[in-house]
Protein backbone atom coordinates (compact mmCIF):
# COMPACT_ATOMS: atom_id res chain seq x y z
CA MET A 1 -37.02 26.69 -3.24
CA ILE A 2 -33.54 25.28 -3.11
CA ASN A 3 -33.00 25.69 -6.86
CA LYS A 4 -34.33 29.33 -6.63
CA THR A 5 -31.87 30.14 -3.90
CA TYR A 6 -28.89 28.56 -5.84
CA ILE A 7 -29.74 30.50 -8.97
CA PHE A 8 -30.00 33.75 -7.11
CA PHE A 9 -26.64 33.21 -5.42
CA LEU A 10 -25.02 32.65 -8.75
CA PHE A 11 -26.63 35.64 -10.23
CA LEU A 12 -25.44 38.06 -7.61
CA SER A 13 -21.91 36.59 -7.31
CA PHE A 14 -21.08 36.20 -10.94
CA GLY A 15 -23.87 37.61 -13.06
CA CYS A 16 -23.90 41.20 -11.99
CA CYS A 17 -20.99 42.25 -14.29
CA PHE A 18 -23.02 41.83 -17.50
CA LEU A 19 -25.49 44.24 -16.08
CA GLY A 20 -22.79 46.84 -15.63
CA SER A 21 -23.11 46.79 -11.94
CA CYS A 22 -19.81 45.30 -10.77
CA GLN A 23 -17.67 48.16 -9.35
CA LYS A 24 -13.95 48.40 -8.65
CA GLU A 25 -14.41 51.28 -6.25
CA PRO A 26 -17.23 52.09 -3.86
CA THR A 27 -19.87 54.71 -4.85
CA THR A 28 -19.20 58.04 -3.13
CA LEU A 29 -22.05 58.99 -0.86
CA GLU A 30 -22.79 62.57 -0.01
CA THR A 31 -22.46 63.06 3.78
CA VAL A 32 -25.37 65.36 4.58
CA ALA A 33 -24.76 65.79 8.30
CA SER A 34 -23.49 64.13 11.44
CA PHE A 35 -26.12 63.20 14.12
CA PRO A 36 -25.78 64.19 17.75
CA LYS A 37 -23.35 62.02 19.56
CA GLU A 38 -26.00 60.56 21.90
CA LEU A 39 -27.61 58.95 18.80
CA LYS A 40 -25.23 56.00 18.53
CA GLU A 41 -27.50 53.21 17.39
CA LEU A 42 -29.70 54.55 14.58
CA SER A 43 -31.38 51.62 12.97
CA GLY A 44 -34.32 52.89 10.83
CA ILE A 45 -35.25 55.86 8.76
CA ILE A 46 -38.23 56.99 6.62
CA GLU A 47 -39.10 60.12 4.75
CA ILE A 48 -42.64 61.52 4.95
CA GLU A 49 -43.43 64.95 3.46
CA ASN A 50 -39.78 66.22 3.54
CA LYS A 51 -39.12 65.20 7.04
CA LEU A 52 -36.97 62.28 8.12
CA TYR A 53 -38.09 60.00 11.01
CA LEU A 54 -35.51 57.87 12.70
CA VAL A 55 -35.33 55.32 15.53
CA GLU A 56 -32.60 53.56 17.53
CA ASP A 57 -32.53 49.83 18.22
CA SER A 58 -32.66 47.66 21.28
CA ASN A 59 -33.26 49.08 24.79
CA ASN A 60 -32.97 52.76 23.72
CA GLU A 61 -35.79 55.18 24.20
CA ALA A 62 -39.26 54.50 22.70
CA VAL A 63 -38.83 57.68 20.69
CA ILE A 64 -39.09 58.59 17.05
CA TRP A 65 -36.53 61.33 16.24
CA VAL A 66 -37.52 63.89 13.58
CA PHE A 67 -35.03 65.69 11.31
CA HIS A 68 -35.17 67.95 8.37
CA THR A 69 -33.63 66.52 5.14
CA ASP A 70 -30.56 68.72 5.74
CA GLY A 71 -29.85 66.77 8.97
CA THR A 72 -31.03 69.45 11.44
CA LEU A 73 -33.11 68.30 14.44
CA SER A 74 -36.81 69.09 14.26
CA GLY A 75 -38.05 67.36 17.40
CA LYS A 76 -38.95 63.93 18.85
CA ILE A 77 -42.10 61.87 19.31
CA GLU A 78 -42.49 59.71 22.36
CA VAL A 79 -44.41 56.40 21.68
CA LYS A 80 -46.58 55.68 24.63
CA GLY A 81 -47.51 52.17 25.91
CA PHE A 82 -44.65 50.27 24.32
CA GLU A 83 -40.94 49.82 25.10
CA ASN A 84 -38.28 49.62 22.54
CA ARG A 85 -37.46 45.93 22.69
CA ASP A 86 -35.53 46.11 19.41
CA TRP A 87 -36.76 48.61 16.97
CA GLU A 88 -34.85 47.76 13.79
CA ALA A 89 -36.70 49.41 10.92
CA LEU A 90 -39.19 52.02 9.74
CA THR A 91 -41.43 51.96 6.72
CA ARG A 92 -44.46 53.84 5.43
CA ASP A 93 -47.59 53.19 3.30
CA GLU A 94 -48.81 55.26 0.35
CA GLU A 95 -50.98 57.39 2.73
CA GLY A 96 -47.96 58.38 4.79
CA ASN A 97 -48.66 56.34 7.82
CA LEU A 98 -45.46 55.21 9.62
CA TYR A 99 -44.73 51.71 10.89
CA ILE A 100 -42.11 50.66 13.52
CA GLY A 101 -40.60 47.21 13.11
CA ASP A 102 -40.02 45.92 16.65
CA PHE A 103 -38.78 42.55 15.43
CA GLY A 104 -35.01 42.61 16.07
CA ASN A 105 -34.18 39.13 17.26
CA ASN A 106 -30.44 38.52 17.49
CA ASP A 107 -30.83 35.42 19.67
CA SER A 108 -33.94 34.07 18.01
CA ASP A 109 -35.64 33.89 21.36
CA ARG A 110 -38.39 36.49 21.11
CA LYS A 111 -42.10 35.64 21.27
CA ASP A 112 -43.32 39.22 21.15
CA LEU A 113 -42.45 40.25 17.53
CA ARG A 114 -44.57 43.22 16.41
CA ILE A 115 -45.21 46.09 14.08
CA LEU A 116 -46.62 49.39 15.40
CA LYS A 117 -48.57 51.84 13.23
CA ILE A 118 -48.45 55.58 13.76
CA ASN A 119 -51.11 57.53 11.85
CA LYS A 120 -49.75 60.27 9.66
CA LYS A 121 -51.95 62.85 11.35
CA GLU A 122 -50.30 62.07 14.66
CA LEU A 123 -46.75 62.79 13.46
CA ASN A 124 -46.91 66.52 14.45
CA ARG A 125 -47.44 65.49 18.12
CA ASN A 126 -44.94 65.13 20.92
CA GLU A 127 -46.59 61.94 22.15
CA VAL A 128 -48.47 59.25 20.18
CA VAL A 129 -50.21 55.96 20.89
CA PRO A 130 -49.94 53.38 18.05
CA SER A 131 -53.28 53.02 16.22
CA GLN A 132 -52.51 49.42 15.19
CA VAL A 133 -50.41 46.67 16.56
CA THR A 134 -49.65 43.65 14.39
CA THR A 135 -47.97 40.71 16.14
CA PHE A 136 -46.50 37.70 14.41
CA ASN A 137 -44.47 34.55 14.69
CA TYR A 138 -42.43 32.34 12.39
CA PRO A 139 -44.22 28.96 12.08
CA GLU A 140 -40.91 27.30 11.15
CA GLN A 141 -39.42 28.12 14.64
CA LYS A 142 -40.09 25.41 17.26
CA HIS A 143 -37.57 26.28 19.92
CA PHE A 144 -36.80 29.62 21.74
CA PRO A 145 -33.89 29.91 21.11
CA PRO A 146 -33.16 27.17 18.57
CA LYS A 147 -29.68 25.64 18.27
CA LYS A 148 -27.06 28.00 16.98
CA LYS A 149 -27.06 26.73 13.37
CA LYS A 150 -30.81 27.30 13.22
CA LYS A 151 -30.85 30.95 14.59
CA SER A 152 -32.32 32.37 11.42
CA PHE A 153 -35.24 34.45 12.87
CA ASP A 154 -33.73 37.87 13.11
CA ALA A 155 -34.90 40.66 10.85
CA GLU A 156 -34.04 44.36 10.32
CA ALA A 157 -35.92 45.18 7.16
CA PHE A 158 -39.48 45.43 5.90
CA ILE A 159 -41.63 47.28 3.44
CA VAL A 160 -45.41 47.88 2.90
CA LYS A 161 -46.70 46.74 -0.53
CA GLY A 162 -50.39 46.82 -1.05
CA ASP A 163 -52.13 45.53 2.12
CA VAL A 164 -49.26 43.35 3.32
CA PHE A 165 -45.80 43.78 4.96
CA TRP A 166 -42.84 42.07 3.35
CA LEU A 167 -40.18 41.29 5.85
CA PHE A 168 -36.58 40.22 5.10
CA THR A 169 -34.55 38.28 7.57
CA LYS A 170 -30.88 38.88 8.32
CA ASN A 171 -28.41 36.00 8.55
CA LYS A 172 -24.64 35.90 8.58
CA ASN A 173 -24.63 33.38 5.79
CA GLY A 174 -26.33 35.84 3.40
CA ILE A 175 -29.55 33.88 3.33
CA SER A 176 -32.63 36.17 3.67
CA HIS A 177 -36.02 34.63 4.00
CA VAL A 178 -38.84 36.69 2.66
CA TYR A 179 -42.04 36.62 4.74
CA GLN A 180 -45.49 38.01 4.11
CA ILE A 181 -47.62 39.41 6.99
CA PRO A 182 -51.02 41.14 6.71
CA ASN A 183 -51.11 44.83 7.34
CA ARG A 184 -53.92 44.81 9.90
CA PRO A 185 -54.45 44.42 13.67
CA GLY A 186 -54.08 40.91 15.08
CA ASN A 187 -51.67 38.02 15.59
CA PHE A 188 -50.45 36.21 12.50
CA LYS A 189 -48.22 33.45 11.33
CA ALA A 190 -45.66 34.93 8.90
CA ILE A 191 -45.78 33.19 5.49
CA LEU A 192 -42.47 32.30 3.87
CA THR A 193 -42.66 33.19 0.20
CA ASP A 194 -39.06 33.35 -1.09
CA THR A 195 -35.51 32.73 -0.07
CA LEU A 196 -32.66 34.92 -1.30
CA ALA A 197 -28.88 34.22 -1.08
CA LEU A 198 -27.13 37.53 -1.16
CA SER A 199 -23.38 37.83 -1.79
CA VAL A 200 -20.79 39.93 -3.56
CA LYS A 201 -17.67 38.13 -4.87
CA ASP A 202 -18.69 35.05 -2.79
CA LYS A 203 -18.89 37.15 0.42
CA PRO A 204 -22.28 36.83 2.13
CA VAL A 205 -24.28 39.99 2.68
CA MET A 206 -26.67 40.50 5.47
CA VAL A 207 -29.82 42.55 4.89
CA THR A 208 -29.88 45.49 7.27
CA ASP A 209 -32.79 47.45 5.78
CA ALA A 210 -35.03 47.83 2.81
CA ALA A 211 -36.62 50.73 0.91
CA PHE A 212 -39.47 50.63 -1.67
CA ASN A 213 -40.55 53.21 -4.18
CA THR A 214 -44.21 52.67 -4.97
CA ARG A 215 -44.09 54.82 -8.14
CA THR A 216 -41.28 52.93 -9.83
CA GLN A 217 -41.80 49.65 -7.99
CA THR A 218 -38.08 49.66 -7.12
CA LEU A 219 -36.94 47.75 -4.08
CA VAL A 220 -33.53 48.42 -2.53
CA LEU A 221 -31.98 46.01 -0.07
CA LEU A 222 -29.18 47.37 2.10
CA GLY A 223 -26.20 45.57 3.44
CA HIS A 224 -23.66 47.43 5.58
CA SER A 225 -21.59 48.39 2.51
CA VAL A 226 -23.64 47.42 -0.57
CA LEU A 227 -27.07 47.97 -2.18
CA PHE A 228 -29.06 45.58 -4.27
CA THR A 229 -31.87 47.03 -6.45
CA MET A 230 -34.79 44.99 -7.76
CA GLN A 231 -37.71 45.85 -10.03
CA LEU A 232 -40.87 44.28 -8.69
CA LYS A 233 -43.53 43.40 -11.26
CA THR A 234 -45.30 40.89 -9.04
CA ASP A 235 -45.59 39.97 -5.36
CA ARG A 236 -42.51 37.73 -5.69
CA PHE A 237 -38.80 38.31 -5.47
CA PRO A 238 -37.23 36.37 -8.39
CA SER A 239 -33.56 36.54 -9.29
CA GLU A 240 -34.24 38.13 -12.68
CA ALA A 241 -35.69 41.24 -10.80
CA VAL A 242 -32.22 42.22 -9.65
CA THR A 243 -31.01 45.02 -11.80
CA SER A 244 -27.88 46.28 -10.10
CA THR A 245 -25.40 46.03 -7.21
CA VAL A 246 -23.91 49.19 -5.74
CA LYS A 247 -20.83 49.09 -3.58
CA LEU A 248 -20.67 51.72 -0.68
CA ASN A 249 -17.93 52.95 1.62
CA THR A 250 -17.39 50.65 4.61
CA SER A 251 -19.44 51.45 7.74
CA GLN A 252 -22.32 49.88 9.68
CA LYS A 253 -25.20 51.18 7.62
CA GLU A 254 -28.46 50.18 9.27
CA GLY A 255 -31.16 52.36 7.67
CA ILE A 256 -32.29 53.37 4.18
CA CYS A 257 -35.28 55.12 2.65
CA PHE A 258 -36.42 56.87 -0.54
CA GLY A 259 -36.75 60.62 -0.59
CA SER A 260 -37.91 62.60 -3.59
CA ASN A 261 -36.61 62.39 -7.10
CA GLU A 262 -35.23 58.83 -6.70
CA THR A 263 -32.93 60.05 -3.83
CA LEU A 264 -31.96 57.57 -1.18
CA PHE A 265 -31.19 58.61 2.43
CA MET A 266 -29.00 56.25 4.61
CA VAL A 267 -27.88 56.29 8.20
CA ASP A 268 -25.11 54.30 9.93
CA GLU A 269 -24.38 53.46 13.54
CA ARG A 270 -21.69 55.37 15.36
CA VAL A 271 -18.82 52.93 16.18
CA LYS A 272 -16.07 54.64 18.12
CA LYS A 273 -15.34 57.70 16.11
CA LYS A 274 -16.79 56.43 12.78
CA GLY A 275 -20.28 56.69 11.54
CA GLY A 276 -23.35 58.35 13.05
CA ASN A 277 -24.05 60.23 9.74
CA LEU A 278 -26.89 60.98 7.31
CA TYR A 279 -26.03 60.13 3.75
CA ARG A 280 -27.67 60.91 0.41
CA LEU A 281 -27.36 59.06 -2.91
CA LYS A 282 -29.15 59.71 -6.20
CA LEU A 283 -30.19 56.38 -7.60
CA LYS A 284 -29.31 56.15 -11.25
CA ALA A 285 -32.25 55.48 -13.47
CA GLU A 286 -32.34 52.01 -14.99
CA PRO A 287 -31.81 51.76 -18.76
């Protein structure tokens, strides 16, 4: 595992140029719309049948906000029976069911990490009750919280692939642990499968969200100001799967999802007078 991490670090730091992915200037994103000012901490986004579903993170309302793809508000859905401890991500399965990642864990002290499933047929309601609750823990964690140097159990990104969730942890040193969790009701021990060391020009990159295209098997990992794309041919995340690195304008981007026609939607948090926007980017086809 150590050798894999080291190779991956070198690949991203120095190897991206021969793939044609090292950029001198950030890619220009299309700003689709600015969100209402009260939505300051948007953390997750997913597209289902031409509507965008968004959530905010810790201690905000237990609400899913619904927008049209042009950024106009469609409505909101109240999630009954659960508080928003720290909703950090949204994802979906191939059937269009929505999943809320309530696993934000900045202090690595939570014992109630969970994923909530909302059935697709319920997404037209004003109130919903999750149809499935998946709780999990990290078996490597022995103390709550651990010592500062071992606080590596925060996550803001996950996808559904097959019948499992793949979760990517977020760490300031750029190390992202990849965990596997079954997509079914129950309490599970997350299984560590891979370790990635993400950086650009020796600067660590924290994973703030992930998006997966089931048709093309393309995985995109989001940092605040960078995208990493990977082509997944198996249920592993090897270094040779990385195909490009895309620099973005500087802002606190927290959410990403695929729309139609290889289009990516992104959202960032509002910090003072900056951010709080919906962005669009057409992902270039790989050669």
